[in-house]
Amino acid sequence: MTDLLILDDDPLQHMVLQLMIDKYCPCKVRHYYDGNSVIDYLNEHSTDYEMLPDVIFLDINMPQITGWQFLENYKTLAVQLKKNIDIYIVSSSIHPHDLKRVNNYPFVKSYLIKPLTREILEASTVYH
């Protein structure tokens, strides 16, 4: 079973994703609303394979720490983690700059456009 962490500041997005995952994917889901909490969590559990998520769905437009800032923090932290975590950007932005910028982060598996569909979930590692 995939261990998924959703990082998005919008509770409605959490609800929609949870409903889709309940219907289509056998996943354990954790919900976070700000990037600093996730960075703290990953730091705290960096050597505990079982406590680390398999996948992070990351929104890029958040108020306290943007998804881009999260990725910069994660870049440094990733070398300490006991597990490789697949990160998917999940955003409503279709701005070419955002789509291109994701290439700066080799650990980001894909850029998924909201709203997510069953087909998009099936193509991600969450479904497997």
N, C-alpha and C. Protein backbone atom coordinates (compact mmCIF):
# COMPACT_ATOMS: atom_id res chain seq x y z
N MET A 1 0.85 -1.18 0.00
CA MET A 1 0.00 0.00 0.00
C MET A 1 0.89 1.25 0.00
N THR A 2 0.58 2.17 -0.87
CA THR A 2 1.35 3.41 -0.99
C THR A 2 1.05 4.34 0.18
N ASP A 3 2.09 4.94 0.70
CA ASP A 3 1.98 5.92 1.77
C ASP A 3 2.10 7.30 1.12
N LEU A 4 0.99 8.02 1.03
CA LEU A 4 0.91 9.30 0.34
C LEU A 4 0.78 10.45 1.33
N LEU A 5 1.56 11.49 1.11
CA LEU A 5 1.45 12.71 1.90
C LEU A 5 0.97 13.81 0.96
N ILE A 6 -0.13 14.45 1.32
CA ILE A 6 -0.68 15.55 0.53
C ILE A 6 -0.32 16.86 1.23
N LEU A 7 0.36 17.73 0.50
CA LEU A 7 0.74 19.04 1.03
C LEU A 7 0.06 20.12 0.18
N ASP A 8 -1.00 20.68 0.74
CA ASP A 8 -1.79 21.70 0.05
C ASP A 8 -2.46 22.54 1.11
N ASP A 9 -2.52 23.86 0.91
CA ASP A 9 -3.11 24.75 1.91
C ASP A 9 -4.63 24.80 1.82
N ASP A 10 -5.22 24.18 0.80
CA ASP A 10 -6.66 24.26 0.56
C ASP A 10 -7.37 22.99 1.07
N PRO A 11 -8.16 23.11 2.14
CA PRO A 11 -8.87 21.94 2.67
C PRO A 11 -9.79 21.27 1.65
N LEU A 12 -10.36 22.04 0.73
CA LEU A 12 -11.23 21.46 -0.29
C LEU A 12 -10.44 20.51 -1.20
N GLN A 13 -9.21 20.89 -1.54
CA GLN A 13 -8.37 20.01 -2.36
C GLN A 13 -8.06 18.71 -1.62
N HIS A 14 -7.84 18.80 -0.33
CA HIS A 14 -7.62 17.60 0.48
C HIS A 14 -8.83 16.68 0.42
N MET A 15 -10.01 17.27 0.57
CA MET A 15 -11.23 16.49 0.57
C MET A 15 -11.45 15.80 -0.78
N VAL A 16 -11.28 16.54 -1.87
CA VAL A 16 -11.47 15.99 -3.20
C VAL A 16 -10.48 14.86 -3.46
N LEU A 17 -9.22 15.10 -3.15
CA LEU A 17 -8.21 14.06 -3.35
C LEU A 17 -8.49 12.84 -2.50
N GLN A 18 -8.89 13.04 -1.26
CA GLN A 18 -9.18 11.91 -0.38
C GLN A 18 -10.33 11.07 -0.95
N LEU A 19 -11.37 11.73 -1.45
CA LEU A 19 -12.49 11.00 -2.05
C LEU A 19 -12.04 10.18 -3.26
N MET A 20 -11.21 10.77 -4.10
CA MET A 20 -10.72 10.05 -5.27
C MET A 20 -9.83 8.87 -4.88
N ILE A 21 -8.97 9.10 -3.92
CA ILE A 21 -8.07 8.04 -3.47
C ILE A 21 -8.85 6.92 -2.82
N ASP A 22 -9.83 7.26 -2.01
CA ASP A 22 -10.68 6.23 -1.39
C ASP A 22 -11.34 5.36 -2.45
N LYS A 23 -11.71 5.98 -3.56
CA LYS A 23 -12.42 5.26 -4.61
C LYS A 23 -11.49 4.46 -5.52
N TYR A 24 -10.30 5.01 -5.82
CA TYR A 24 -9.47 4.42 -6.86
C TYR A 24 -8.12 3.84 -6.42
N CYS A 25 -7.61 4.23 -5.28
CA CYS A 25 -6.26 3.82 -4.91
C CYS A 25 -6.21 3.31 -3.48
N PRO A 26 -5.55 2.18 -3.28
CA PRO A 26 -5.34 1.71 -1.91
C PRO A 26 -4.13 2.43 -1.31
N CYS A 27 -4.37 3.55 -0.66
CA CYS A 27 -3.28 4.37 -0.11
C CYS A 27 -3.55 4.70 1.35
N LYS A 28 -2.44 4.83 2.06
CA LYS A 28 -2.49 5.46 3.38
C LYS A 28 -2.22 6.93 3.10
N VAL A 29 -3.06 7.83 3.60
CA VAL A 29 -2.92 9.25 3.27
C VAL A 29 -2.70 10.07 4.54
N ARG A 30 -1.74 10.98 4.43
CA ARG A 30 -1.50 11.98 5.48
C ARG A 30 -1.76 13.35 4.87
N HIS A 31 -2.36 14.21 5.65
CA HIS A 31 -2.72 15.55 5.17
C HIS A 31 -1.93 16.61 5.92
N TYR A 32 -1.26 17.47 5.15
CA TYR A 32 -0.53 18.61 5.70
C TYR A 32 -0.93 19.86 4.93
N TYR A 33 -0.93 20.99 5.65
CA TYR A 33 -1.40 22.25 5.07
C TYR A 33 -0.30 23.30 4.92
N ASP A 34 0.89 23.02 5.46
CA ASP A 34 2.00 23.96 5.26
C ASP A 34 3.31 23.20 5.14
N GLY A 35 4.18 23.72 4.30
CA GLY A 35 5.43 23.05 3.98
C GLY A 35 6.40 22.93 5.13
N ASN A 36 6.41 23.91 6.02
CA ASN A 36 7.32 23.85 7.16
C ASN A 36 7.05 22.63 8.04
N SER A 37 5.78 22.28 8.21
CA SER A 37 5.42 21.10 9.01
C SER A 37 5.95 19.83 8.37
N VAL A 38 5.89 19.77 7.05
CA VAL A 38 6.38 18.58 6.35
C VAL A 38 7.90 18.50 6.44
N ILE A 39 8.58 19.61 6.24
CA ILE A 39 10.04 19.63 6.38
C ILE A 39 10.43 19.17 7.78
N ASP A 40 9.75 19.68 8.80
CA ASP A 40 10.03 19.27 10.18
C ASP A 40 9.79 17.77 10.36
N TYR A 41 8.69 17.28 9.81
CA TYR A 41 8.37 15.85 9.91
C TYR A 41 9.45 15.00 9.23
N LEU A 42 9.85 15.38 8.02
CA LEU A 42 10.87 14.62 7.30
C LEU A 42 12.21 14.65 8.04
N ASN A 43 12.57 15.80 8.60
CA ASN A 43 13.79 15.89 9.40
C ASN A 43 13.74 14.96 10.60
N GLU A 44 12.61 14.98 11.28
CA GLU A 44 12.44 14.18 12.50
C GLU A 44 12.51 12.68 12.21
N HIS A 45 12.01 12.27 11.05
CA HIS A 45 11.92 10.84 10.72
C HIS A 45 12.85 10.44 9.58
N SER A 46 13.90 11.20 9.34
CA SER A 46 14.76 10.99 8.18
C SER A 46 15.37 9.59 8.10
N THR A 47 15.60 8.96 9.23
CA THR A 47 16.23 7.64 9.23
C THR A 47 15.24 6.50 9.47
N ASP A 48 13.98 6.82 9.59
CA ASP A 48 12.95 5.80 9.85
C ASP A 48 12.16 5.52 8.57
N TYR A 49 12.57 4.50 7.85
CA TYR A 49 11.98 4.15 6.56
C TYR A 49 10.46 4.04 6.63
N GLU A 50 9.96 3.41 7.65
CA GLU A 50 8.51 3.17 7.77
C GLU A 50 7.71 4.45 8.00
N MET A 51 8.32 5.45 8.58
CA MET A 51 7.61 6.70 8.87
C MET A 51 7.62 7.68 7.70
N LEU A 52 8.47 7.43 6.72
CA LEU A 52 8.56 8.33 5.58
C LEU A 52 7.53 7.96 4.52
N PRO A 53 6.94 8.96 3.87
CA PRO A 53 5.96 8.66 2.82
C PRO A 53 6.67 8.12 1.57
N ASP A 54 5.91 7.42 0.74
CA ASP A 54 6.41 6.96 -0.55
C ASP A 54 6.30 8.06 -1.58
N VAL A 55 5.22 8.85 -1.44
CA VAL A 55 4.87 9.86 -2.43
C VAL A 55 4.40 11.13 -1.72
N ILE A 56 4.78 12.28 -2.28
CA ILE A 56 4.26 13.57 -1.82
C ILE A 56 3.56 14.24 -3.00
N PHE A 57 2.31 14.63 -2.80
CA PHE A 57 1.59 15.49 -3.74
C PHE A 57 1.75 16.91 -3.21
N LEU A 58 2.38 17.77 -4.00
CA LEU A 58 2.78 19.09 -3.55
C LEU A 58 2.13 20.20 -4.37
N ASP A 59 1.38 21.05 -3.69
CA ASP A 59 0.84 22.26 -4.32
C ASP A 59 1.95 23.31 -4.36
N ILE A 60 2.01 24.11 -5.42
CA ILE A 60 3.09 25.11 -5.48
C ILE A 60 2.66 26.47 -4.96
N ASN A 61 1.38 26.77 -4.97
CA ASN A 61 0.92 28.09 -4.52
C ASN A 61 0.33 28.00 -3.12
N MET A 62 1.21 28.20 -2.14
CA MET A 62 0.79 28.18 -0.74
C MET A 62 1.34 29.43 -0.06
N PRO A 63 0.68 29.90 1.00
CA PRO A 63 1.05 31.19 1.60
C PRO A 63 2.33 31.21 2.43
N GLN A 64 2.52 30.30 3.37
CA GLN A 64 3.67 30.40 4.28
C GLN A 64 4.97 30.03 3.59
N ILE A 65 4.99 28.92 2.94
CA ILE A 65 6.16 28.45 2.21
C ILE A 65 5.62 27.88 0.90
N THR A 66 6.07 28.43 -0.21
CA THR A 66 5.56 27.97 -1.50
C THR A 66 6.09 26.57 -1.80
N GLY A 67 5.49 25.92 -2.77
CA GLY A 67 5.98 24.63 -3.20
C GLY A 67 7.41 24.70 -3.69
N TRP A 68 7.75 25.81 -4.35
CA TRP A 68 9.12 25.98 -4.83
C TRP A 68 10.10 26.09 -3.67
N GLN A 69 9.73 26.81 -2.63
CA GLN A 69 10.59 26.91 -1.44
C GLN A 69 10.71 25.54 -0.76
N PHE A 70 9.58 24.81 -0.72
CA PHE A 70 9.62 23.46 -0.17
C PHE A 70 10.62 22.60 -0.93
N LEU A 71 10.59 22.67 -2.27
CA LEU A 71 11.50 21.87 -3.09
C LEU A 71 12.96 22.24 -2.84
N GLU A 72 13.24 23.51 -2.64
CA GLU A 72 14.61 23.93 -2.33
C GLU A 72 15.06 23.34 -0.99
N ASN A 73 14.18 23.38 0.01
CA ASN A 73 14.50 22.77 1.31
C ASN A 73 14.65 21.26 1.18
N TYR A 74 13.77 20.66 0.41
CA TYR A 74 13.80 19.21 0.24
C TYR A 74 15.08 18.76 -0.47
N LYS A 75 15.56 19.56 -1.40
CA LYS A 75 16.78 19.22 -2.16
C LYS A 75 17.94 18.95 -1.19
N THR A 76 18.06 19.77 -0.16
CA THR A 76 19.13 19.58 0.82
C THR A 76 18.84 18.41 1.74
N LEU A 77 17.60 18.26 2.09
CA LEU A 77 17.18 17.22 3.02
C LEU A 77 17.20 15.83 2.41
N ALA A 78 16.95 15.71 1.12
CA ALA A 78 16.78 14.42 0.45
C ALA A 78 17.97 13.48 0.65
N VAL A 79 19.17 14.02 0.71
CA VAL A 79 20.35 13.17 0.87
C VAL A 79 20.39 12.48 2.23
N GLN A 80 19.67 13.00 3.21
CA GLN A 80 19.64 12.42 4.55
C GLN A 80 18.53 11.39 4.72
N LEU A 81 17.58 11.37 3.79
CA LEU A 81 16.41 10.50 3.95
C LEU A 81 16.74 9.05 3.65
N LYS A 82 16.20 8.16 4.45
CA LYS A 82 16.42 6.72 4.31
C LYS A 82 15.64 6.14 3.12
N LYS A 83 14.74 6.91 2.56
CA LYS A 83 13.87 6.45 1.48
C LYS A 83 13.83 7.50 0.39
N ASN A 84 13.80 7.02 -0.86
CA ASN A 84 13.54 7.93 -1.98
C ASN A 84 12.05 8.20 -2.04
N ILE A 85 11.68 9.45 -2.03
CA ILE A 85 10.27 9.85 -2.05
C ILE A 85 9.95 10.43 -3.42
N ASP A 86 8.91 9.92 -4.05
CA ASP A 86 8.46 10.47 -5.33
C ASP A 86 7.62 11.71 -5.05
N ILE A 87 7.98 12.82 -5.67
CA ILE A 87 7.23 14.05 -5.49
C ILE A 87 6.53 14.40 -6.80
N TYR A 88 5.26 14.72 -6.68
CA TYR A 88 4.45 15.17 -7.81
C TYR A 88 3.95 16.56 -7.49
N ILE A 89 4.20 17.49 -8.40
CA ILE A 89 3.59 18.82 -8.28
C ILE A 89 2.14 18.65 -8.69
N VAL A 90 1.24 19.14 -7.87
CA VAL A 90 -0.19 19.11 -8.19
C VAL A 90 -0.67 20.55 -8.12
N SER A 91 -0.95 21.13 -9.29
CA SER A 91 -1.25 22.56 -9.35
C SER A 91 -2.27 22.87 -10.42
N SER A 92 -2.95 23.98 -10.25
CA SER A 92 -3.87 24.46 -11.29
C SER A 92 -3.14 25.38 -12.26
N SER A 93 -1.87 25.69 -11.97
CA SER A 93 -1.10 26.57 -12.84
C SER A 93 -0.66 25.82 -14.10
N ILE A 94 -0.92 26.44 -15.24
CA ILE A 94 -0.43 25.91 -16.50
C ILE A 94 0.56 26.88 -17.13
N HIS A 95 1.09 27.76 -16.31
CA HIS A 95 2.05 28.75 -16.78
C HIS A 95 3.31 28.03 -17.28
N PRO A 96 3.77 28.34 -18.49
CA PRO A 96 4.96 27.68 -19.04
C PRO A 96 6.19 27.76 -18.13
N HIS A 97 6.34 28.87 -17.42
CA HIS A 97 7.48 29.02 -16.51
C HIS A 97 7.44 27.95 -15.41
N ASP A 98 6.25 27.70 -14.86
CA ASP A 98 6.12 26.67 -13.82
C ASP A 98 6.41 25.29 -14.39
N LEU A 99 5.86 25.03 -15.57
CA LEU A 99 6.05 23.72 -16.19
C LEU A 99 7.53 23.46 -16.50
N LYS A 100 8.25 24.49 -16.87
CA LYS A 100 9.67 24.36 -17.17
C LYS A 100 10.52 24.31 -15.89
N ARG A 101 10.14 25.09 -14.92
CA ARG A 101 10.90 25.19 -13.67
C ARG A 101 11.02 23.86 -12.94
N VAL A 102 10.02 23.02 -13.09
CA VAL A 102 10.02 21.72 -12.41
C VAL A 102 11.22 20.87 -12.84
N ASN A 103 11.77 21.14 -14.03
CA ASN A 103 12.92 20.38 -14.51
C ASN A 103 14.18 20.60 -13.68
N ASN A 104 14.18 21.63 -12.82
CA ASN A 104 15.32 21.88 -11.94
C ASN A 104 15.39 20.91 -10.77
N TYR A 105 14.37 20.07 -10.63
CA TYR A 105 14.29 19.17 -9.49
C TYR A 105 14.15 17.73 -9.98
N PRO A 106 15.24 17.01 -10.10
CA PRO A 106 15.20 15.66 -10.66
C PRO A 106 14.37 14.67 -9.85
N PHE A 107 14.12 14.97 -8.59
CA PHE A 107 13.33 14.08 -7.75
C PHE A 107 11.82 14.29 -7.95
N VAL A 108 11.42 15.31 -8.71
CA VAL A 108 10.00 15.51 -9.03
C VAL A 108 9.66 14.62 -10.22
N LYS A 109 8.71 13.73 -10.01
CA LYS A 109 8.35 12.74 -11.03
C LYS A 109 7.49 13.32 -12.15
N SER A 110 6.60 14.25 -11.78
CA SER A 110 5.70 14.79 -12.79
C SER A 110 5.00 16.03 -12.26
N TYR A 111 4.44 16.79 -13.20
CA TYR A 111 3.66 17.99 -12.89
C TYR A 111 2.22 17.66 -13.28
N LEU A 112 1.36 17.51 -12.29
CA LEU A 112 -0.03 17.14 -12.53
C LEU A 112 -0.92 18.36 -12.42
N ILE A 113 -1.80 18.51 -13.39
CA ILE A 113 -2.70 19.67 -13.42
C ILE A 113 -4.02 19.32 -12.71
N LYS A 114 -4.41 20.22 -11.78
CA LYS A 114 -5.71 20.07 -11.11
C LYS A 114 -6.82 20.44 -12.08
N PRO A 115 -7.96 19.85 -11.96
CA PRO A 115 -8.31 18.78 -11.03
C PRO A 115 -7.77 17.44 -11.50
N LEU A 116 -7.38 16.62 -10.53
CA LEU A 116 -6.88 15.30 -10.87
C LEU A 116 -8.03 14.39 -11.30
N THR A 117 -7.71 13.51 -12.19
CA THR A 117 -8.70 12.53 -12.67
C THR A 117 -8.22 11.13 -12.31
N ARG A 118 -9.07 10.17 -12.51
CA ARG A 118 -8.70 8.78 -12.26
C ARG A 118 -7.50 8.39 -13.13
N GLU A 119 -7.52 8.81 -14.38
CA GLU A 119 -6.43 8.48 -15.30
C GLU A 119 -5.09 9.05 -14.83
N ILE A 120 -5.12 10.26 -14.30
CA ILE A 120 -3.90 10.88 -13.81
C ILE A 120 -3.39 10.10 -12.59
N LEU A 121 -4.29 9.73 -11.70
CA LEU A 121 -3.89 8.94 -10.53
C LEU A 121 -3.30 7.60 -10.96
N GLU A 122 -3.93 6.97 -11.94
CA GLU A 122 -3.46 5.67 -12.41
C GLU A 122 -2.06 5.76 -13.03
N ALA A 123 -1.72 6.90 -13.60
CA ALA A 123 -0.41 7.07 -14.22
C ALA A 123 0.68 7.40 -13.19
N SER A 124 0.29 7.77 -11.99
CA SER A 124 1.27 8.12 -10.96
C SER A 124 1.66 6.88 -10.17
N THR A 125 2.72 7.02 -9.39
CA THR A 125 3.15 5.89 -8.57
C THR A 125 2.22 5.61 -7.39
N VAL A 126 1.29 6.49 -7.15
CA VAL A 126 0.32 6.29 -6.08
C VAL A 126 -0.52 5.05 -6.37
N TYR A 127 -0.81 4.85 -7.61
CA TYR A 127 -1.72 3.78 -8.01
C TYR A 127 -1.06 2.41 -7.95
N HIS A 128 0.25 2.36 -7.94
CA HIS A 128 0.95 1.08 -8.03
C HIS A 128 1.35 0.53 -6.69
